[in-house]
PDB file of N, CA and C in Angstrom:
ATOM      1  N   MET A   1       4.208 -10.219  -3.662  1.00  0.00           N
ATOM      2  CA  MET A   1       3.249  -9.524  -3.185  1.00  0.00           C
ATOM      3  C   MET A   1       2.277 -10.253  -2.253  1.00  0.00           C
ATOM      4  N   ILE A   2       2.019 -11.480  -2.878  1.00  0.00           N
ATOM      5  CA  ILE A   2       1.619 -12.778  -1.822  1.00  0.00           C
ATOM      6  C   ILE A   2       1.730 -13.370  -0.557  1.00  0.00           C
ATOM      7  N   ILE A   3       3.112 -13.049  -0.458  1.00  0.00           N
ATOM      8  CA  ILE A   3       3.676 -13.222   0.486  1.00  0.00           C
ATOM      9  C   ILE A   3       3.427 -12.659   1.284  1.00  0.00           C
ATOM     10  N   ILE A   4       4.048 -11.066   1.398  1.00  0.00           N
ATOM     11  CA  ILE A   4       3.649  -9.832   2.107  1.00  0.00           C
ATOM     12  C   ILE A   4       1.814  -9.530   2.541  1.00  0.00           C
ATOM     13  N   LEU A   5       1.052 -10.368   1.786  1.00  0.00           N
ATOM     14  CA  LEU A   5      -0.423 -10.326   1.994  1.00  0.00           C
ATOM     15  C   LEU A   5      -0.527 -11.594   3.173  1.00  0.00           C
ATOM     16  N   LYS A   6       0.480 -12.733   3.169  1.00  0.00           N
ATOM     17  CA  LYS A   6       0.016 -13.944   3.926  1.00  0.00           C
ATOM     18  C   LYS A   6       0.991 -13.277   5.103  1.00  0.00           C
ATOM     19  N   ILE A   7       1.629 -12.653   5.557  1.00  0.00           N
ATOM     20  CA  ILE A   7       2.142 -12.207   6.276  1.00  0.00           C
ATOM     21  C   ILE A   7       1.333 -11.375   7.176  1.00  0.00           C
ATOM     22  N   ILE A   8       0.847  -9.939   6.499  1.00  0.00           N
ATOM     23  CA  ILE A   8      -0.150  -9.505   6.720  1.00  0.00           C
ATOM     24  C   ILE A   8      -1.719 -10.202   7.272  1.00  0.00           C
ATOM     25  N   LEU A   9      -1.981 -10.781   6.853  1.00  0.00           N
ATOM     26  CA  LEU A   9      -3.556 -11.767   7.168  1.00  0.00           C
ATOM     27  C   LEU A   9      -3.152 -12.308   8.880  1.00  0.00           C
ATOM     28  N   LYS A  10      -1.760 -12.690   9.258  1.00  0.00           N
ATOM     29  CA  LYS A  10      -1.707 -13.173  10.561  1.00  0.00           C
ATOM     30  C   LYS A  10      -1.837 -11.861  11.446  1.00  0.00           C
ATOM     31  N   LEU A  11      -1.703 -10.575  11.351  1.00  0.00           N
ATOM     32  CA  LEU A  11      -2.238  -9.738  12.061  1.00  0.00           C
ATOM     33  C   LEU A  11      -3.343  -9.306  11.763  1.00  0.00           C
ATOM     34  N   ASN A  12      -4.067  -8.786  13.341  1.00  0.00           N
ATOM     35  CA  ASN A  12      -5.010  -8.302  13.292  1.00  0.00           C
ATOM     36  C   ASN A  12      -5.340  -6.739  13.684  1.00  0.00           C
ATOM     37  N   TYR A  13      -4.945  -5.857  12.807  1.00  0.00           N
ATOM     38  CA  TYR A  13      -5.253  -4.845  13.182  1.00  0.00           C
ATOM     39  C   TYR A  13      -6.001  -3.752  12.255  1.00  0.00           C
ATOM     40  N   ALA A  14      -6.650  -2.424  12.994  1.00  0.00           N
ATOM     41  CA  ALA A  14      -7.580  -2.001  11.887  1.00  0.00           C
ATOM     42  C   ALA A  14      -6.725  -1.352  11.079  1.00  0.00           C
ATOM     43  N   PHE A  15      -4.978  -1.342  11.032  1.00  0.00           N
ATOM     44  CA  PHE A  15      -4.048   0.012  10.489  1.00  0.00           C
ATOM     45  C   PHE A  15      -4.286  -1.290   9.102  1.00  0.00           C
ATOM     46  N   TYR A  16      -4.453  -2.512   9.283  1.00  0.00           N
ATOM     47  CA  TYR A  16      -4.304  -3.581   8.424  1.00  0.00           C
ATOM     48  C   TYR A  16      -5.437  -3.051   7.205  1.00  0.00           C
ATOM     49  N   ASN A  17      -6.402  -3.204   7.770  1.00  0.00           N
ATOM     50  CA  ASN A  17      -7.569  -2.983   6.638  1.00  0.00           C
ATOM     51  C   ASN A  17      -7.575  -1.604   5.872  1.00  0.00           C
ATOM     52  N   VAL A  18      -7.102  -0.637   7.199  1.00  0.00           N
ATOM     53  CA  VAL A  18      -6.962   0.953   6.163  1.00  0.00           C
ATOM     54  C   VAL A  18      -5.998   0.366   5.140  1.00  0.00           C
ATOM     55  N   SER A  19      -4.829  -0.169   5.264  1.00  0.00           N
ATOM     56  CA  SER A  19      -3.672  -0.183   4.157  1.00  0.00           C
ATOM     57  C   SER A  19      -4.152  -0.639   3.233  1.00  0.00           C
ATOM     58  N   LEU A  20      -5.081  -1.836   3.026  1.00  0.00           N
ATOM     59  CA  LEU A  20      -5.411  -2.702   2.348  1.00  0.00           C
ATOM     60  C   LEU A  20      -6.528  -1.972   1.267  1.00  0.00           C
ATOM     61  N   GLY A  21      -7.460  -1.232   2.188  1.00  0.00           N
ATOM     62  CA  GLY A  21      -8.348  -0.349   1.393  1.00  0.00           C
ATOM     63  C   GLY A  21      -7.457   0.230   0.229  1.00  0.00           C
ATOM     64  N   PHE A  22      -6.319   1.303   1.066  1.00  0.00           N
ATOM     65  CA  PHE A  22      -5.419   2.238  -0.046  1.00  0.00           C
ATOM     66  C   PHE A  22      -4.814   1.523  -1.473  1.00  0.00           C
ATOM     67  N   ILE A  23      -4.084   0.214  -0.979  1.00  0.00           N
ATOM     68  CA  ILE A  23      -3.972  -0.613  -2.164  1.00  0.00           C
ATOM     69  C   ILE A  23      -5.027  -1.105  -3.221  1.00  0.00           C
ATOM     70  N   LEU A  24      -6.214  -1.615  -2.429  1.00  0.00           N
ATOM     71  CA  LEU A  24      -7.217  -2.194  -3.166  1.00  0.00           C
ATOM     72  C   LEU A  24      -7.851  -0.463  -4.171  1.00  0.00           C
ATOM     73  N   GLY A  25      -7.977   0.416  -3.327  1.00  0.00           N
ATOM     74  CA  GLY A  25      -8.316   1.766  -3.865  1.00  0.00           C
ATOM     75  C   GLY A  25      -7.674   2.177  -5.099  1.00  0.00           C
ATOM     76  N   GLY A  26      -6.476   2.618  -4.993  1.00  0.00           N
ATOM     77  CA  GLY A  26      -5.591   2.706  -5.862  1.00  0.00           C
ATOM     78  C   GLY A  26      -5.723   1.370  -7.285  1.00  0.00           C
ATOM     79  N   ALA A  27      -5.318   0.402  -7.102  1.00  0.00           N
ATOM     80  CA  ALA A  27      -5.576  -0.688  -7.954  1.00  0.00           C
ATOM     81  C   ALA A  27      -6.749  -0.335  -8.698  1.00  0.00           C
ATOM     82  N   LEU A  28      -7.789  -0.304  -8.504  1.00  0.00           N
ATOM     83  CA  LEU A  28      -8.756  -0.209  -8.623  1.00  0.00           C
ATOM     84  C   LEU A  28      -8.904   0.937  -9.560  1.00  0.00           C
ATOM     85  N   GLY A  29      -8.903   2.221  -8.848  1.00  0.00           N
ATOM     86  CA  GLY A  29      -8.707   3.213  -9.444  1.00  0.00           C
ATOM     87  C   GLY A  29      -7.572   3.379 -10.759  1.00  0.00           C
ATOM     88  N   ASN A  30      -6.692   2.339 -10.841  1.00  0.00           N
ATOM     89  CA  ASN A  30      -6.032   2.585 -12.303  1.00  0.00           C
ATOM     90  C   ASN A  30      -6.479   1.790 -12.858  1.00  0.00           C
ATOM     91  N   LEU A  31      -7.234   0.600 -12.567  1.00  0.00           N
ATOM     92  CA  LEU A  31      -8.042  -0.369 -13.662  1.00  0.00           C
ATOM     93  C   LEU A  31      -8.967   0.243 -14.399  1.00  0.00           C
ATOM     94  N   ILE A  32      -9.648   0.955 -13.586  1.00  0.00           N
ATOM     95  CA  ILE A  32     -10.748   1.899 -14.043  1.00  0.00           C
ATOM     96  C   ILE A  32     -10.620   2.752 -15.231  1.00  0.00           C
ATOM     97  N   ASP A  33      -9.265   3.243 -15.055  1.00  0.00           N
ATOM     98  CA  ASP A  33      -8.755   4.605 -16.025  1.00  0.00           C
ATOM     99  C   ASP A  33      -8.427   3.659 -17.395  1.00  0.00           C
ATOM    100  N   ARG A  34      -7.796   2.664 -17.195  1.00  0.00           N
ATOM    101  CA  ARG A  34      -7.084   1.778 -18.149  1.00  0.00           C
ATOM    102  C   ARG A  34      -8.696   1.136 -18.945  1.00  0.00           C
ATOM    103  N   TYR A  35      -9.470   0.815 -18.166  1.00  0.00           N
ATOM    104  CA  TYR A  35     -10.568   0.312 -18.937  1.00  0.00           C
ATOM    105  C   TYR A  35     -11.568   0.952 -19.859  1.00  0.00           C
ATOM    106  N   PHE A  36     -11.793   2.352 -18.773  1.00  0.00           N
ATOM    107  CA  PHE A  36     -12.424   3.178 -19.952  1.00  0.00           C
ATOM    108  C   PHE A  36     -12.031   4.404 -20.588  1.00  0.00           C
ATOM    109  N   VAL A  37     -10.314   4.658 -20.124  1.00  0.00           N
ATOM    110  CA  VAL A  37      -9.594   5.684 -20.935  1.00  0.00           C
ATOM    111  C   VAL A  37      -8.952   4.758 -22.007  1.00  0.00           C
ATOM    112  N   GLY A  38      -8.138   3.815 -21.474  1.00  0.00           N
ATOM    113  CA  GLY A  38      -7.096   2.951 -22.515  1.00  0.00           C
ATOM    114  C   GLY A  38      -5.739   2.895 -22.149  1.00  0.00           C
ATOM    115  N   GLU A  39      -5.520   3.996 -21.154  1.00  0.00           N
ATOM    116  CA  GLU A  39      -4.398   4.578 -20.639  1.00  0.00           C
ATOM    117  C   GLU A  39      -4.643   4.756 -18.970  1.00  0.00           C
ATOM    118  N   VAL A  40      -3.356   4.726 -18.003  1.00  0.00           N
ATOM    119  CA  VAL A  40      -3.769   5.536 -16.856  1.00  0.00           C
ATOM    120  C   VAL A  40      -3.367   6.671 -17.028  1.00  0.00           C
ATOM    121  N   THR A  41      -4.150   7.899 -16.394  1.00  0.00           N
ATOM    122  CA  THR A  41      -3.733   9.117 -17.000  1.00  0.00           C
ATOM    123  C   THR A  41      -2.854   9.735 -15.234  1.00  0.00           C
ATOM    124  N   ASP A  42      -2.035  10.640 -15.833  1.00  0.00           N
ATOM    125  CA  ASP A  42      -0.859  10.694 -14.819  1.00  0.00           C
ATOM    126  C   ASP A  42      -1.338  12.483 -15.088  1.00  0.00           C
ATOM    127  N   PHE A  43      -1.702  12.990 -13.863  1.00  0.00           N
ATOM    128  CA  PHE A  43      -1.572  14.199 -14.060  1.00  0.00           C
ATOM    129  C   PHE A  43      -1.281  15.298 -12.697  1.00  0.00           C
ATOM    130  N   ILE A  44      -0.548  14.483 -11.929  1.00  0.00           N
ATOM    131  CA  ILE A  44      -0.111  15.537 -10.870  1.00  0.00           C
ATOM    132  C   ILE A  44       1.429  14.942 -10.927  1.00  0.00           C
ATOM    133  N   ASN A  45       2.103  16.803 -11.077  1.00  0.00           N
ATOM    134  CA  ASN A  45       3.456  16.981 -12.167  1.00  0.00           C
ATOM    135  C   ASN A  45       4.060  17.819 -11.165  1.00  0.00           C
ATOM    136  N   PHE A  46       5.426  17.197 -10.342  1.00  0.00           N
ATOM    137  CA  PHE A  46       6.004  18.018  -9.773  1.00  0.00           C
ATOM    138  C   PHE A  46       7.682  17.998 -10.521  1.00  0.00           C
ATOM    139  N   THR A  47       8.260  19.419 -10.339  1.00  0.00           N
ATOM    140  CA  THR A  47       9.638  19.221 -11.203  1.00  0.00           C
ATOM    141  C   THR A  47      10.334  18.206 -10.946  1.00  0.00           C
ATOM    142  N   PHE A  48      10.614  17.944  -9.549  1.00  0.00           N
ATOM    143  CA  PHE A  48      11.262  17.088  -9.169  1.00  0.00           C
ATOM    144  C   PHE A  48      11.009  15.800  -9.076  1.00  0.00           C
ATOM    145  N   TRP A  49       9.884  15.034  -9.454  1.00  0.00           N
ATOM    146  CA  TRP A  49       9.605  13.964  -9.367  1.00  0.00           C
ATOM    147  C   TRP A  49       8.588  13.406 -10.444  1.00  0.00           C
ATOM    148  N   PRO A  50       8.396  12.191 -10.420  1.00  0.00           N
ATOM    149  CA  PRO A  50       8.093  11.689 -12.210  1.00  0.00           C
ATOM    150  C   PRO A  50       6.449  12.109 -11.653  1.00  0.00           C
ATOM    151  N   VAL A  51       5.864  11.870 -13.085  1.00  0.00           N
ATOM    152  CA  VAL A  51       4.305  12.428 -13.006  1.00  0.00           C
ATOM    153  C   VAL A  51       3.413  11.204 -12.253  1.00  0.00           C
ATOM    154  N   PHE A  52       2.569  11.698 -11.697  1.00  0.00           N
ATOM    155  CA  PHE A  52       1.628  10.024 -10.759  1.00  0.00           C
ATOM    156  C   PHE A  52       0.401  10.841 -10.825  1.00  0.00           C
ATOM    157  N   ASN A  53      -0.676   9.996 -10.082  1.00  0.00           N
ATOM    158  CA  ASN A  53      -2.035  10.289  -9.965  1.00  0.00           C
ATOM    159  C   ASN A  53      -2.311   9.754  -8.613  1.00  0.00           C
ATOM    160  N   ILE A  54      -3.548  10.254  -8.054  1.00  0.00           N
ATOM    161  CA  ILE A  54      -4.035  10.110  -6.793  1.00  0.00           C
ATOM    162  C   ILE A  54      -4.003   8.209  -6.660  1.00  0.00           C
ATOM    163  N   ALA A  55      -4.388   7.496  -7.714  1.00  0.00           N
ATOM    164  CA  ALA A  55      -4.326   5.677  -7.256  1.00  0.00           C
ATOM    165  C   ALA A  55      -3.030   5.608  -6.880  1.00  0.00           C
ATOM    166  N   ASP A  56      -1.989   5.899  -7.665  1.00  0.00           N
ATOM    167  CA  ASP A  56      -0.523   5.650  -7.664  1.00  0.00           C
ATOM    168  C   ASP A  56      -0.266   5.989  -6.165  1.00  0.00           C
ATOM    169  N   SER A  57      -0.886   7.320  -5.693  1.00  0.00           N
ATOM    170  CA  SER A  57      -0.081   7.450  -4.143  1.00  0.00           C
ATOM    171  C   SER A  57      -1.093   6.610  -3.530  1.00  0.00           C
ATOM    172  N   PHE A  58      -2.176   6.209  -3.640  1.00  0.00           N
ATOM    173  CA  PHE A  58      -2.751   5.522  -2.616  1.00  0.00           C
ATOM    174  C   PHE A  58      -2.418   3.870  -2.460  1.00  0.00           C
ATOM    175  N   LEU A  59      -1.450   4.049  -3.744  1.00  0.00           N
ATOM    176  CA  LEU A  59      -0.821   2.575  -3.539  1.00  0.00           C
ATOM    177  C   LEU A  59       0.426   2.503  -2.853  1.00  0.00           C
ATOM    178  N   ILE A  60       1.273   3.787  -2.668  1.00  0.00           N
ATOM    179  CA  ILE A  60       2.577   3.625  -2.210  1.00  0.00           C
ATOM    180  C   ILE A  60       1.846   3.681  -0.819  1.00  0.00           C
ATOM    181  N   ILE A  61       1.122   4.959  -0.768  1.00  0.00           N
ATOM    182  CA  ILE A  61       0.183   5.162   1.060  1.00  0.00           C
ATOM    183  C   ILE A  61       0.291   3.579   1.659  1.00  0.00           C
ATOM    184  N   GLY A  62      -0.514   2.481   0.831  1.00  0.00           N
ATOM    185  CA  GLY A  62      -0.909   1.265   1.687  1.00  0.00           C
ATOM    186  C   GLY A  62       0.323   0.465   1.476  1.00  0.00           C
ATOM    187  N   PHE A  63       0.960   0.468   0.541  1.00  0.00           N
ATOM    188  CA  PHE A  63       2.667  -0.851   0.976  1.00  0.00           C
ATOM    189  C   PHE A  63       3.417   0.388   2.202  1.00  0.00           C
ATOM    190  N   CYS A  64       3.401   1.278   2.309  1.00  0.00           N
ATOM    191  CA  CYS A  64       4.212   1.828   3.301  1.00  0.00           C
ATOM    192  C   CYS A  64       3.495   1.293   4.760  1.00  0.00           C
ATOM    193  N   LEU A  65       2.130   1.678   4.338  1.00  0.00           N
ATOM    194  CA  LEU A  65       1.575   1.146   5.526  1.00  0.00           C
ATOM    195  C   LEU A  65       1.962  -0.300   6.272  1.00  0.00           C
ATOM    196  N   ILE A  66       1.430  -1.301   4.786  1.00  0.00           N
ATOM    197  CA  ILE A  66       2.171  -2.638   5.229  1.00  0.00           C
ATOM    198  C   ILE A  66       3.298  -2.978   5.630  1.00  0.00           C
ATOM    199  N   ILE A  67       4.496  -2.070   5.150  1.00  0.00           N
ATOM    200  CA  ILE A  67       5.606  -2.372   5.386  1.00  0.00           C
ATOM    201  C   ILE A  67       5.907  -1.517   7.092  1.00  0.00           C
ATOM    202  N   ILE A  68       5.221  -0.451   7.220  1.00  0.00           N
ATOM    203  CA  ILE A  68       5.180  -0.117   8.738  1.00  0.00           C
ATOM    204  C   ILE A  68       4.574  -1.695  10.002  1.00  0.00           C
ATOM    205  N   LEU A  69       3.550  -1.855   9.401  1.00  0.00           N
ATOM    206  CA  LEU A  69       2.700  -2.960  10.104  1.00  0.00           C
ATOM    207  C   LEU A  69       4.234  -4.313  10.400  1.00  0.00           C
ATOM    208  N   ILE A  70       4.457  -4.681   9.174  1.00  0.00           N
ATOM    209  CA  ILE A  70       5.642  -5.642   9.211  1.00  0.00           C
ATOM    210  C   ILE A  70       6.732  -5.239  10.067  1.00  0.00           C
ATOM    211  N   LEU A  71       7.267  -3.981   9.861  1.00  0.00           N
ATOM    212  CA  LEU A  71       8.652  -3.863  10.984  1.00  0.00           C
ATOM    213  C   LEU A  71       7.939  -3.579  12.515  1.00  0.00           C
ATOM    214  N   ARG A  72       7.193  -3.243  12.369  1.00  0.00           N
ATOM    215  CA  ARG A  72       6.035  -3.079  14.239  1.00  0.00           C
ATOM    216  C   ARG A  72       6.363  -4.423  14.341  1.00  0.00           C
ATOM    217  N   GLU A  73       5.663  -5.444  13.898  1.00  0.00           N
ATOM    218  CA  GLU A  73       5.047  -6.650  14.818  1.00  0.00           C
ATOM    219  C   GLU A  73       6.844  -7.268  14.563  1.00  0.00           C
ATOM    220  N   TYR A  74       7.513  -7.484  13.730  1.00  0.00           N
ATOM    221  CA  TYR A  74       8.850  -7.482  13.964  1.00  0.00           C
ATOM    222  C   TYR A  74       9.720  -7.137  15.431  1.00  0.00           C
ATOM    223  N   PHE A  75       9.928  -6.078  15.493  1.00  0.00           N
ATOM    224  CA  PHE A  75      10.590  -5.616  16.569  1.00  0.00           C
ATOM    225  C   PHE A  75       9.732  -5.698  17.785  1.00  0.00           C
ATOM    226  N   LYS A  76       8.279  -5.931  17.706  1.00  0.00           N
ATOM    227  CA  LYS A  76       7.602  -6.532  18.884  1.00  0.00           C
ATOM    228  C   LYS A  76       8.012  -7.809  19.252  1.00  0.00           C
ATOM    229  N   LYS A  77       7.988  -8.864  18.171  1.00  0.00           N
ATOM    230  CA  LYS A  77       8.771  -9.928  18.548  1.00  0.00           C
ATOM    231  C   LYS A  77      10.190 -10.021  19.539  1.00  0.00           C
ATOM    232  N   GLU A  78      11.013  -8.820  18.661  1.00  0.00           N
ATOM    233  CA  GLU A  78      12.402  -9.046  19.057  1.00  0.00           C
ATOM    234  C   GLU A  78      12.524  -8.864  20.677  1.00  0.00           C
ATOM    235  N   LYS A  79      11.595  -7.652  20.819  1.00  0.00           N
ATOM    236  CA  LYS A  79      11.487  -7.272  22.132  1.00  0.00           C
ATOM    237  C   LYS A  79      11.256  -8.463  23.091  1.00  0.00           C
ATOM    238  N   THR A  80      10.066  -8.955  22.793  1.00  0.00           N
ATOM    239  CA  THR A  80       9.669 -10.343  23.889  1.00  0.00           C
ATOM    240  C   THR A  80      10.094 -11.071  23.621  1.00  0.00           C
ATOM    241  N   GLN A  81      11.282 -11.745  22.713  1.00  0.00           N
ATOM    242  CA  GLN A  81      12.131 -12.549  22.772  1.00  0.00           C
ATOM    243  C   GLN A  81      13.497 -12.354  23.518  1.00  0.00           C
ATOM    244  N   ARG A  82      14.027 -11.203  23.656  1.00  0.00           N
ATOM    245  CA  ARG A  82      14.972 -10.735  24.575  1.00  0.00           C
ATOM    246  C   ARG A  82      14.787 -10.736  25.814  1.00  0.00           C
ATOM    247  N   SER A  83      13.571 -10.288  26.282  1.00  0.00           N
ATOM    248  CA  SER A  83      12.984 -10.547  27.812  1.00  0.00           C
ATOM    249  C   SER A  83      12.823 -11.609  28.542  1.00  0.00           C
TER     250      SER A  83
END
């Protein structure tokens, strides 16, 4: 994760701040749950998917946004190198 954050720190996008906000919000939500309840409470249950909570969703959304950022930057560099 540290490597991904180092790559992202080189990028200057508002999208980056949003993705880190999702990740930090999700992590903080799970930490608060763990501290006050003693465990993370998962309450969203789809029959075809594992049980999760809003904080887990925020973590996944944040990581997906970071992956999109990294791939977008990679393909942008590839395109400029080919030109």
